[in-house]
Amino acid sequence: MSTALRLATRGSPLALAQAVIVAAKLEAIGVTAELVVVDTEGDRRRDVALAVIAGQGVFTKEVQAAVLEGAADVAVHSAKDLPSVTPEGLVLASVPERADAADVIVGVPLGVLGPGATVATGAPRRRALLLSERPDLNIVGLRGNIETRLDALGTDGIDAVVVAMAALERLGLKGRVAERLEPGDFIPQVGQGAIALECGESSHALEALAAIDDHDAHLALRCERAFLAELGAGCELPGGAYATCAGDLVVVQGVLMFEDGSSTARGLYSDEDPELAGRSLASLLKAELDTTRGGT
């Protein structure tokens, strides 16, 4: 296989590291890759909390537009940044082997943090999960690239920071981990640890992208994205899903919560159809939390 592909990516250190991973996989099968760096709305609006703009494609729209407008052949995304609906004209063509989907604590492990300790995270899901286990914690907001988040440790009384293991691994910062939070308990964000590759519906890139696709990772992401789609754009409750493959089955664990961690719905569902598994679990969790909310 011999061709050349232009890979559109954000310009953050993590996004570039992920694009380099993809480029290396392509070059291993004889495909030359060139990076096309794109400035995104999410990178420009660093003064706005992620909770406000989450799910709006602020880290993906311009990258996708580069492909749709012919400036690039492939859009490289952190899968967790993708909205649940793929834009017309594009397909989710490939999901390379997934990295560790777990969240991690940098600083002081959760069980060692004293009463009222301050933990920084910009994600409502992480906030709710932390408070469901440790309601005494003081959770403060935080955003920016990984280096910026890690630099916040020890400033303004911040004792610990929660970030994704995959981000630290890809940036060579795994040594900063104080505690890995097991994904089966601390359910990750949909798509966490996965790289999603989009291209045009009839693109010449399809063959090359299929060659670097990981079957299980792709099925798991389809399941988790179906979970997200079933929750719907209007769902303001924090949630997460983590899918794995077991033989012919896709097994997905999920959580949906009140942001203060006071009520939590958890569940597991499995099916040969990844979308059905994801949608079914989301429906069950929504119904359970709606019942809880209706009784309060």
C-alpha atoms as a PDB file:
ATOM      1  CA  MET A   1       0.000   0.000   0.000  1.00  0.00           C
ATOM      2  CA  SER A   2       1.564   3.276  -1.076  1.00  0.00           C
ATOM      3  CA  THR A   3      -0.135   6.667  -0.893  1.00  0.00           C
ATOM      4  CA  ALA A   4       0.007   9.907   1.085  1.00  0.00           C
ATOM      5  CA  LEU A   5      -2.571  11.180   3.544  1.00  0.00           C
ATOM      6  CA  ARG A   6      -2.999  14.581   5.169  1.00  0.00           C
ATOM      7  CA  LEU A   7      -4.059  14.275   8.817  1.00  0.00           C
ATOM      8  CA  ALA A   8      -6.017  17.203  10.300  1.00  0.00           C
ATOM      9  CA  THR A   9      -5.426  17.687  14.015  1.00  0.00           C
ATOM     10  CA  ARG A  10      -5.649  20.228  16.797  1.00  0.00           C
ATOM     11  CA  GLY A  11      -2.373  21.850  17.750  1.00  0.00           C
ATOM     12  CA  SER A  12      -2.286  20.960  21.445  1.00  0.00           C
ATOM     13  CA  PRO A  13       0.650  18.796  22.609  1.00  0.00           C
ATOM     14  CA  LEU A  14      -1.677  15.856  23.274  1.00  0.00           C
ATOM     15  CA  ALA A  15      -3.484  16.172  19.929  1.00  0.00           C
ATOM     16  CA  LEU A  16      -0.165  16.318  18.089  1.00  0.00           C
ATOM     17  CA  ALA A  17       1.110  13.276  20.002  1.00  0.00           C
ATOM     18  CA  GLN A  18      -2.004  11.350  18.961  1.00  0.00           C
ATOM     19  CA  ALA A  19      -1.637  12.420  15.337  1.00  0.00           C
ATOM     20  CA  VAL A  20       1.981  11.238  15.399  1.00  0.00           C
ATOM     21  CA  ILE A  21       0.805   7.850  16.706  1.00  0.00           C
ATOM     22  CA  VAL A  22      -1.605   7.593  13.781  1.00  0.00           C
ATOM     23  CA  ALA A  23       1.055   8.720  11.320  1.00  0.00           C
ATOM     24  CA  ALA A  24       3.422   6.020  12.610  1.00  0.00           C
ATOM     25  CA  LYS A  25       0.745   3.332  12.192  1.00  0.00           C
ATOM     26  CA  LEU A  26       0.095   4.478   8.629  1.00  0.00           C
ATOM     27  CA  GLU A  27       3.760   4.663   7.754  1.00  0.00           C
ATOM     28  CA  ALA A  28       4.167   1.084   9.048  1.00  0.00           C
ATOM     29  CA  ILE A  29       1.846  -0.055   6.243  1.00  0.00           C
ATOM     30  CA  GLY A  30       3.566   2.096   3.610  1.00  0.00           C
ATOM     31  CA  VAL A  31       1.374   5.199   3.793  1.00  0.00           C
ATOM     32  CA  THR A  32       3.069   8.581   4.093  1.00  0.00           C
ATOM     33  CA  ALA A  33       1.337  10.949   6.517  1.00  0.00           C
ATOM     34  CA  GLU A  34       1.487  14.750   6.785  1.00  0.00           C
ATOM     35  CA  LEU A  35       0.016  16.720   9.701  1.00  0.00           C
ATOM     36  CA  VAL A  36      -2.335  19.632   9.027  1.00  0.00           C
ATOM     37  CA  VAL A  37      -2.704  21.663  12.241  1.00  0.00           C
ATOM     38  CA  VAL A  38      -6.107  23.285  12.761  1.00  0.00           C
ATOM     39  CA  ASP A  39      -7.117  25.946  15.297  1.00  0.00           C
ATOM     40  CA  THR A  40     -10.391  25.029  17.047  1.00  0.00           C
ATOM     41  CA  GLU A  41     -13.011  27.004  18.914  1.00  0.00           C
ATOM     42  CA  GLY A  42     -12.331  25.046  22.099  1.00  0.00           C
ATOM     43  CA  ASP A  43      -8.663  26.013  21.998  1.00  0.00           C
ATOM     44  CA  ARG A  44      -9.535  29.682  21.492  1.00  0.00           C
ATOM     45  CA  ARG A  45     -12.191  29.830  24.260  1.00  0.00           C
ATOM     46  CA  ARG A  46      -9.984  28.851  27.172  1.00  0.00           C
ATOM     47  CA  ASP A  47     -11.802  31.232  29.512  1.00  0.00           C
ATOM     48  CA  VAL A  48     -15.033  29.203  29.236  1.00  0.00           C
ATOM     49  CA  ALA A  49     -15.628  26.157  31.452  1.00  0.00           C
ATOM     50  CA  LEU A  50     -15.785  22.888  29.531  1.00  0.00           C
ATOM     51  CA  ALA A  51     -19.093  22.081  31.227  1.00  0.00           C
ATOM     52  CA  VAL A  52     -20.608  25.045  29.375  1.00  0.00           C
ATOM     53  CA  ILE A  53     -19.410  24.063  25.895  1.00  0.00           C
ATOM     54  CA  ALA A  54     -19.169  20.276  26.269  1.00  0.00           C
ATOM     55  CA  GLY A  55     -20.852  18.229  23.551  1.00  0.00           C
ATOM     56  CA  GLN A  56     -20.865  21.117  21.076  1.00  0.00           C
ATOM     57  CA  GLY A  57     -17.988  19.861  18.957  1.00  0.00           C
ATOM     58  CA  VAL A  58     -15.786  22.812  19.918  1.00  0.00           C
ATOM     59  CA  PHE A  59     -12.658  20.661  19.587  1.00  0.00           C
ATOM     60  CA  THR A  60     -13.774  18.843  16.430  1.00  0.00           C
ATOM     61  CA  LYS A  61     -15.774  21.090  14.070  1.00  0.00           C
ATOM     62  CA  GLU A  62     -12.826  22.839  12.454  1.00  0.00           C
ATOM     63  CA  VAL A  63     -10.890  19.573  12.152  1.00  0.00           C
ATOM     64  CA  GLN A  64     -13.867  17.982  10.408  1.00  0.00           C
ATOM     65  CA  ALA A  65     -14.286  21.044   8.197  1.00  0.00           C
ATOM     66  CA  ALA A  66     -10.696  20.679   6.997  1.00  0.00           C
ATOM     67  CA  VAL A  67     -11.617  17.258   5.589  1.00  0.00           C
ATOM     68  CA  LEU A  68     -14.983  18.318   4.181  1.00  0.00           C
ATOM     69  CA  GLU A  69     -13.362  21.323   2.465  1.00  0.00           C
ATOM     70  CA  GLY A  70     -10.517  19.274   0.997  1.00  0.00           C
ATOM     71  CA  ALA A  71      -7.670  20.722   3.069  1.00  0.00           C
ATOM     72  CA  ALA A  72      -7.018  17.302   4.650  1.00  0.00           C
ATOM     73  CA  ASP A  73      -7.891  13.658   4.034  1.00  0.00           C
ATOM     74  CA  VAL A  74      -8.381  12.403   7.596  1.00  0.00           C
ATOM     75  CA  ALA A  75      -9.644  14.035  10.795  1.00  0.00           C
ATOM     76  CA  VAL A  76      -7.820  12.838  13.926  1.00  0.00           C
ATOM     77  CA  HIS A  77      -9.785  13.250  17.165  1.00  0.00           C
ATOM     78  CA  SER A  78      -9.715  12.310  20.786  1.00  0.00           C
ATOM     79  CA  ALA A  79     -12.848  10.164  20.606  1.00  0.00           C
ATOM     80  CA  LYS A  80     -14.161  11.698  23.844  1.00  0.00           C
ATOM     81  CA  ASP A  81     -14.407  15.098  22.093  1.00  0.00           C
ATOM     82  CA  LEU A  82     -16.757  13.878  19.351  1.00  0.00           C
ATOM     83  CA  PRO A  83     -20.467  14.724  19.539  1.00  0.00           C
ATOM     84  CA  SER A  84     -22.672  11.650  19.165  1.00  0.00           C
ATOM     85  CA  VAL A  85     -23.723  12.507  15.584  1.00  0.00           C
ATOM     86  CA  THR A  86     -21.225  12.318  12.697  1.00  0.00           C
ATOM     87  CA  PRO A  87     -21.543  15.225  10.218  1.00  0.00           C
ATOM     88  CA  GLU A  88     -23.016  14.479   6.792  1.00  0.00           C
ATOM     89  CA  GLY A  89     -20.298  13.556   4.336  1.00  0.00           C
ATOM     90  CA  LEU A  90     -18.003  11.965   6.922  1.00  0.00           C
ATOM     91  CA  VAL A  91     -17.715   8.450   8.344  1.00  0.00           C
ATOM     92  CA  LEU A  92     -16.034   7.176  11.484  1.00  0.00           C
ATOM     93  CA  ALA A  93     -13.648   5.038   9.474  1.00  0.00           C
ATOM     94  CA  SER A  94     -11.166   3.743  12.018  1.00  0.00           C
ATOM     95  CA  VAL A  95     -10.395   3.396  15.724  1.00  0.00           C
ATOM     96  CA  PRO A  96      -6.800   2.266  16.322  1.00  0.00           C
ATOM     97  CA  GLU A  97      -5.900   0.214  19.385  1.00  0.00           C
ATOM     98  CA  ARG A  98      -7.278   1.957  22.458  1.00  0.00           C
ATOM     99  CA  ALA A  99      -5.058   3.194  25.273  1.00  0.00           C
ATOM    100  CA  ASP A 100      -5.929   2.769  28.954  1.00  0.00           C
ATOM    101  CA  ALA A 101      -9.356   4.392  29.417  1.00  0.00           C
ATOM    102  CA  ALA A 102      -8.929   4.985  33.153  1.00  0.00           C
ATOM    103  CA  ASP A 103      -8.860   8.275  35.017  1.00  0.00           C
ATOM    104  CA  VAL A 104      -5.944   8.864  37.357  1.00  0.00           C
ATOM    105  CA  ILE A 105      -5.130  11.089  40.306  1.00  0.00           C
ATOM    106  CA  VAL A 106      -1.975  13.164  40.259  1.00  0.00           C
ATOM    107  CA  GLY A 107      -0.850  14.414  43.653  1.00  0.00           C
ATOM    108  CA  VAL A 108      -2.364  12.600  46.617  1.00  0.00           C
ATOM    109  CA  PRO A 109      -4.319   9.309  46.261  1.00  0.00           C
ATOM    110  CA  LEU A 110      -8.037   9.515  46.971  1.00  0.00           C
ATOM    111  CA  GLY A 111      -7.900   7.432  50.132  1.00  0.00           C
ATOM    112  CA  VAL A 112      -5.082   9.519  51.549  1.00  0.00           C
ATOM    113  CA  LEU A 113      -6.658  12.933  50.953  1.00  0.00           C
ATOM    114  CA  GLY A 114      -7.694  14.547  54.223  1.00  0.00           C
ATOM    115  CA  PRO A 115     -11.217  15.843  54.986  1.00  0.00           C
ATOM    116  CA  GLY A 116     -12.008  18.919  52.914  1.00  0.00           C
ATOM    117  CA  ALA A 117      -9.016  18.441  50.603  1.00  0.00           C
ATOM    118  CA  THR A 118      -9.145  20.290  47.286  1.00  0.00           C
ATOM    119  CA  VAL A 119      -9.283  18.297  44.050  1.00  0.00           C
ATOM    120  CA  ALA A 120      -9.257  19.996  40.637  1.00  0.00           C
ATOM    121  CA  THR A 121     -11.113  18.779  37.563  1.00  0.00           C
ATOM    122  CA  GLY A 122     -13.023  20.447  34.755  1.00  0.00           C
ATOM    123  CA  ALA A 123     -15.354  17.482  34.148  1.00  0.00           C
ATOM    124  CA  PRO A 124     -18.819  17.275  35.779  1.00  0.00           C
ATOM    125  CA  ARG A 125     -18.602  13.469  35.523  1.00  0.00           C
ATOM    126  CA  ARG A 126     -15.387  13.360  37.530  1.00  0.00           C
ATOM    127  CA  ARG A 127     -16.808  15.835  40.031  1.00  0.00           C
ATOM    128  CA  ALA A 128     -19.935  13.732  40.594  1.00  0.00           C
ATOM    129  CA  LEU A 129     -18.009  10.475  40.907  1.00  0.00           C
ATOM    130  CA  LEU A 130     -15.577  12.001  43.390  1.00  0.00           C
ATOM    131  CA  LEU A 131     -18.377  13.457  45.507  1.00  0.00           C
ATOM    132  CA  SER A 132     -20.361  10.215  45.451  1.00  0.00           C
ATOM    133  CA  GLU A 133     -17.379   8.547  47.157  1.00  0.00           C
ATOM    134  CA  ARG A 134     -16.000  11.503  49.129  1.00  0.00           C
ATOM    135  CA  PRO A 135     -18.701  14.154  49.705  1.00  0.00           C
ATOM    136  CA  ASP A 136     -16.318  15.998  52.021  1.00  0.00           C
ATOM    137  CA  LEU A 137     -13.961  16.974  49.194  1.00  0.00           C
ATOM    138  CA  ASN A 138     -13.719  20.502  47.818  1.00  0.00           C
ATOM    139  CA  ILE A 139     -13.927  20.134  44.020  1.00  0.00           C
ATOM    140  CA  VAL A 140     -12.722  23.089  41.957  1.00  0.00           C
ATOM    141  CA  GLY A 141     -12.831  23.684  38.218  1.00  0.00           C
ATOM    142  CA  LEU A 142      -9.811  23.374  35.960  1.00  0.00           C
ATOM    143  CA  ARG A 143      -9.149  23.366  32.227  1.00  0.00           C
ATOM    144  CA  GLY A 144      -6.287  23.847  29.791  1.00  0.00           C
ATOM    145  CA  ASN A 145      -3.824  21.383  28.313  1.00  0.00           C
ATOM    146  CA  ILE A 146      -2.407  18.557  30.423  1.00  0.00           C
ATOM    147  CA  GLU A 147       0.751  20.432  31.364  1.00  0.00           C
ATOM    148  CA  THR A 148      -1.318  23.412  32.555  1.00  0.00           C
ATOM    149  CA  ARG A 149      -3.487  21.145  34.690  1.00  0.00           C
ATOM    150  CA  LEU A 150      -0.512  19.419  36.257  1.00  0.00           C
ATOM    151  CA  ASP A 151       1.112  22.779  36.965  1.00  0.00           C
ATOM    152  CA  ALA A 152      -1.959  23.722  39.033  1.00  0.00           C
ATOM    153  CA  LEU A 153      -1.057  21.069  41.597  1.00  0.00           C
ATOM    154  CA  GLY A 154       0.078  22.726  44.806  1.00  0.00           C
ATOM    155  CA  THR A 155      -1.258  26.144  43.816  1.00  0.00           C
ATOM    156  CA  ASP A 156      -4.361  27.704  45.390  1.00  0.00           C
ATOM    157  CA  GLY A 157      -4.470  24.830  47.857  1.00  0.00           C
ATOM    158  CA  ILE A 158      -4.974  22.158  45.186  1.00  0.00           C
ATOM    159  CA  ASP A 159      -3.993  18.767  46.625  1.00  0.00           C
ATOM    160  CA  ALA A 160      -4.813  16.550  43.636  1.00  0.00           C
ATOM    161  CA  VAL A 161      -5.759  16.742  39.971  1.00  0.00           C
ATOM    162  CA  VAL A 162      -7.788  14.168  38.028  1.00  0.00           C
ATOM    163  CA  VAL A 163      -6.801  13.547  34.392  1.00  0.00           C
ATOM    164  CA  ALA A 164      -6.906  10.705  31.855  1.00  0.00           C
ATOM    165  CA  MET A 165      -4.258   7.985  32.004  1.00  0.00           C
ATOM    166  CA  ALA A 166      -4.076   7.908  28.200  1.00  0.00           C
ATOM    167  CA  ALA A 167      -3.101  11.574  28.072  1.00  0.00           C
ATOM    168  CA  LEU A 168      -0.234  11.079  30.503  1.00  0.00           C
ATOM    169  CA  GLU A 169       0.970   7.950  28.679  1.00  0.00           C
ATOM    170  CA  ARG A 170       0.965   9.667  25.295  1.00  0.00           C
ATOM    171  CA  LEU A 171       2.889  12.647  26.667  1.00  0.00           C
ATOM    172  CA  GLY A 172       5.438  10.523  28.518  1.00  0.00           C
ATOM    173  CA  LEU A 173       4.117  11.628  31.919  1.00  0.00           C
ATOM    174  CA  LYS A 174       2.894   8.321  33.321  1.00  0.00           C
ATOM    175  CA  GLY A 175       5.342   8.682  36.202  1.00  0.00           C
ATOM    176  CA  ARG A 176       3.171  11.459  37.635  1.00  0.00           C
ATOM    177  CA  VAL A 177       0.327   9.046  38.475  1.00  0.00           C
ATOM    178  CA  ALA A 178      -0.424   8.750  42.202  1.00  0.00           C
ATOM    179  CA  GLU A 179      -3.443   6.460  41.756  1.00  0.00           C
ATOM    180  CA  ARG A 180      -5.204   4.757  38.856  1.00  0.00           C
ATOM    181  CA  LEU A 181      -8.995   4.761  39.240  1.00  0.00           C
ATOM    182  CA  GLU A 182     -10.401   1.428  38.036  1.00  0.00           C
ATOM    183  CA  PRO A 183     -12.711   2.041  35.005  1.00  0.00           C
ATOM    184  CA  GLY A 184     -15.253  -0.457  36.325  1.00  0.00           C
ATOM    185  CA  ASP A 185     -15.756   1.754  39.388  1.00  0.00           C
ATOM    186  CA  PHE A 186     -14.790   5.241  38.239  1.00  0.00           C
ATOM    187  CA  ILE A 187     -16.568   5.032  34.872  1.00  0.00           C
ATOM    188  CA  PRO A 188     -14.676   6.971  32.163  1.00  0.00           C
ATOM    189  CA  GLN A 189     -16.017   9.500  29.715  1.00  0.00           C
ATOM    190  CA  VAL A 190     -17.417   8.032  26.510  1.00  0.00           C
ATOM    191  CA  GLY A 191     -14.499   7.393  24.149  1.00  0.00           C
ATOM    192  CA  GLN A 192     -11.776   8.109  26.703  1.00  0.00           C
ATOM    193  CA  GLY A 193      -8.442   6.648  25.628  1.00  0.00           C
ATOM    194  CA  ALA A 194      -9.573   6.094  22.028  1.00  0.00           C
ATOM    195  CA  ILE A 195      -8.497   7.929  18.877  1.00  0.00           C
ATOM    196  CA  ALA A 196     -11.233   8.369  16.271  1.00  0.00           C
ATOM    197  CA  LEU A 197     -10.385   8.785  12.591  1.00  0.00           C
ATOM    198  CA  GLU A 198     -12.937  10.285  10.208  1.00  0.00           C
ATOM    199  CA  CYS A 199     -12.760  10.674   6.446  1.00  0.00           C
ATOM    200  CA  GLY A 200     -15.069  11.270   3.498  1.00  0.00           C
ATOM    201  CA  GLU A 201     -17.682   8.630   2.666  1.00  0.00           C
ATOM    202  CA  SER A 202     -15.873   7.625  -0.540  1.00  0.00           C
ATOM    203  CA  SER A 203     -12.389   8.800   0.381  1.00  0.00           C
ATOM    204  CA  HIS A 204      -9.229   7.192  -0.962  1.00  0.00           C
ATOM    205  CA  ALA A 205      -8.159   7.048   2.715  1.00  0.00           C
ATOM    206  CA  LEU A 206     -10.690   4.339   3.609  1.00  0.00           C
ATOM    207  CA  GLU A 207      -8.472   1.374   2.715  1.00  0.00           C
ATOM    208  CA  ALA A 208      -5.504   2.641   4.707  1.00  0.00           C
ATOM    209  CA  LEU A 209      -7.645   3.534   7.720  1.00  0.00           C
ATOM    210  CA  ALA A 210      -9.274   0.090   7.676  1.00  0.00           C
ATOM    211  CA  ALA A 211      -5.799  -1.459   7.849  1.00  0.00           C
ATOM    212  CA  ILE A 212      -5.032   0.274  11.171  1.00  0.00           C
ATOM    213  CA  ASP A 213      -8.491  -0.242  12.693  1.00  0.00           C
ATOM    214  CA  ASP A 214      -8.786  -2.260  15.909  1.00  0.00           C
ATOM    215  CA  HIS A 215     -11.991  -4.299  15.700  1.00  0.00           C
ATOM    216  CA  ASP A 216     -12.700  -4.467  19.447  1.00  0.00           C
ATOM    217  CA  ALA A 217     -11.867  -0.819  20.068  1.00  0.00           C
ATOM    218  CA  HIS A 218     -14.148   0.211  17.209  1.00  0.00           C
ATOM    219  CA  LEU A 219     -17.064  -1.875  18.516  1.00  0.00           C
ATOM    220  CA  ALA A 220     -16.565  -0.500  22.021  1.00  0.00           C
ATOM    221  CA  LEU A 221     -16.609   3.074  20.757  1.00  0.00           C
ATOM    222  CA  ARG A 222     -19.752   2.455  18.696  1.00  0.00           C
ATOM    223  CA  CYS A 223     -21.418   1.147  21.854  1.00  0.00           C
ATOM    224  CA  GLU A 224     -20.343   4.078  24.015  1.00  0.00           C
ATOM    225  CA  ARG A 225     -21.377   6.622  21.392  1.00  0.00           C
ATOM    226  CA  ALA A 226     -24.804   4.978  21.167  1.00  0.00           C
ATOM    227  CA  PHE A 227     -25.063   5.375  24.948  1.00  0.00           C
ATOM    228  CA  LEU A 228     -24.258   9.079  24.555  1.00  0.00           C
ATOM    229  CA  ALA A 229     -26.714   9.516  21.681  1.00  0.00           C
ATOM    230  CA  GLU A 230     -29.514   7.881  23.686  1.00  0.00           C
ATOM    231  CA  LEU A 231     -28.948  10.265  26.574  1.00  0.00           C
ATOM    232  CA  GLY A 232     -29.502  13.061  24.076  1.00  0.00           C
ATOM    233  CA  ALA A 233     -28.130  16.555  23.685  1.00  0.00           C
ATOM    234  CA  GLY A 234     -30.599  17.851  26.265  1.00  0.00           C
ATOM    235  CA  CYS A 235     -29.332  15.604  29.046  1.00  0.00           C
ATOM    236  CA  GLU A 236     -27.447  17.810  31.495  1.00  0.00           C
ATOM    237  CA  LEU A 237     -26.685  15.044  34.002  1.00  0.00           C
ATOM    238  CA  PRO A 238     -23.078  13.818  34.145  1.00  0.00           C
ATOM    239  CA  GLY A 239     -22.569  10.308  32.859  1.00  0.00           C
ATOM    240  CA  GLY A 240     -20.025   7.911  31.490  1.00  0.00           C
ATOM    241  CA  ALA A 241     -19.781   4.558  29.744  1.00  0.00           C
ATOM    242  CA  TYR A 242     -17.055   1.983  29.271  1.00  0.00           C
ATOM    243  CA  ALA A 243     -17.433  -0.913  26.829  1.00  0.00           C
ATOM    244  CA  THR A 244     -15.281  -3.985  26.255  1.00  0.00           C
ATOM    245  CA  CYS A 245     -15.611  -7.060  24.049  1.00  0.00           C
ATOM    246  CA  ALA A 246     -16.081 -10.575  25.389  1.00  0.00           C
ATOM    247  CA  GLY A 247     -16.283 -13.082  22.562  1.00  0.00           C
ATOM    248  CA  ASP A 248     -19.230 -12.103  20.386  1.00  0.00           C
ATOM    249  CA  LEU A 249     -20.663  -9.802  23.058  1.00  0.00           C
ATOM    250  CA  VAL A 250     -20.058  -6.130  23.726  1.00  0.00           C
ATOM    251  CA  VAL A 251     -20.302  -5.490  27.469  1.00  0.00           C
ATOM    252  CA  VAL A 252     -20.907  -1.925  28.589  1.00  0.00           C
ATOM    253  CA  GLN A 253     -20.876  -0.441  32.074  1.00  0.00           C
ATOM    254  CA  GLY A 254     -22.437   2.965  32.623  1.00  0.00           C
ATOM    255  CA  VAL A 255     -23.235   5.609  35.183  1.00  0.00           C
ATOM    256  CA  LEU A 256     -25.591   8.594  35.313  1.00  0.00           C
ATOM    257  CA  MET A 257     -25.556  10.980  38.273  1.00  0.00           C
ATOM    258  CA  PHE A 258     -26.649  14.177  39.897  1.00  0.00           C
ATOM    259  CA  GLU A 259     -23.697  16.574  39.690  1.00  0.00           C
ATOM    260  CA  ASP A 260     -23.359  16.756  43.466  1.00  0.00           C
ATOM    261  CA  GLY A 261     -22.991  12.971  43.608  1.00  0.00           C
ATOM    262  CA  SER A 262     -26.048  12.593  45.831  1.00  0.00           C
ATOM    263  CA  SER A 263     -27.803  10.130  43.514  1.00  0.00           C
ATOM    264  CA  THR A 264     -26.141   7.686  41.152  1.00  0.00           C
ATOM    265  CA  ALA A 265     -27.554   5.138  38.709  1.00  0.00           C
ATOM    266  CA  ARG A 266     -25.191   2.375  37.612  1.00  0.00           C
ATOM    267  CA  GLY A 267     -25.652  -0.619  35.372  1.00  0.00           C
ATOM    268  CA  LEU A 268     -24.241  -3.142  32.944  1.00  0.00           C
ATOM    269  CA  TYR A 269     -25.649  -4.435  29.655  1.00  0.00           C
ATOM    270  CA  SER A 270     -24.362  -6.816  27.011  1.00  0.00           C
ATOM    271  CA  ASP A 271     -25.416  -7.691  23.481  1.00  0.00           C
ATOM    272  CA  GLU A 272     -23.923  -8.738  20.155  1.00  0.00           C
ATOM    273  CA  ASP A 273     -25.170  -5.430  18.726  1.00  0.00           C
ATOM    274  CA  PRO A 274     -22.976  -2.644  20.176  1.00  0.00           C
ATOM    275  CA  GLU A 275     -25.462   0.148  19.473  1.00  0.00           C
ATOM    276  CA  LEU A 276     -28.312  -1.788  21.063  1.00  0.00           C
ATOM    277  CA  ALA A 277     -26.230  -2.427  24.182  1.00  0.00           C
ATOM    278  CA  GLY A 278     -25.323   1.248  24.525  1.00  0.00           C
ATOM    279  CA  ARG A 279     -28.832   2.561  23.908  1.00  0.00           C
ATOM    280  CA  SER A 280     -30.442   0.017  26.214  1.00  0.00           C
ATOM    281  CA  LEU A 281     -28.155   0.817  29.124  1.00  0.00           C
ATOM    282  CA  ALA A 282     -28.655   4.554  28.717  1.00  0.00           C
ATOM    283  CA  SER A 283     -32.448   4.081  28.738  1.00  0.00           C
ATOM    284  CA  LEU A 284     -32.297   1.983  31.897  1.00  0.00           C
ATOM    285  CA  LEU A 285     -30.123   4.495  33.739  1.00  0.00           C
ATOM    286  CA  LYS A 286     -32.276   7.443  32.676  1.00  0.00           C
ATOM    287  CA  ALA A 287     -35.403   5.677  33.921  1.00  0.00           C
ATOM    288  CA  GLU A 288     -33.753   4.811  37.243  1.00  0.00           C
ATOM    289  CA  LEU A 289     -32.536   8.347  37.878  1.00  0.00           C
ATOM    290  CA  ASP A 290     -35.857   9.860  36.748  1.00  0.00           C
ATOM    291  CA  THR A 291     -37.582   7.669  39.352  1.00  0.00           C
ATOM    292  CA  THR A 292     -35.140   8.852  42.006  1.00  0.00           C
ATOM    293  CA  ARG A 293     -35.617  12.490  41.030  1.00  0.00           C
ATOM    294  CA  GLY A 294     -39.386  12.117  40.977  1.00  0.00           C
ATOM    295  CA  GLY A 295     -39.356  10.784  44.507  1.00  0.00           C
ATOM    296  CA  THR A 296     -37.410  13.708  45.953  1.00  0.00           C
END
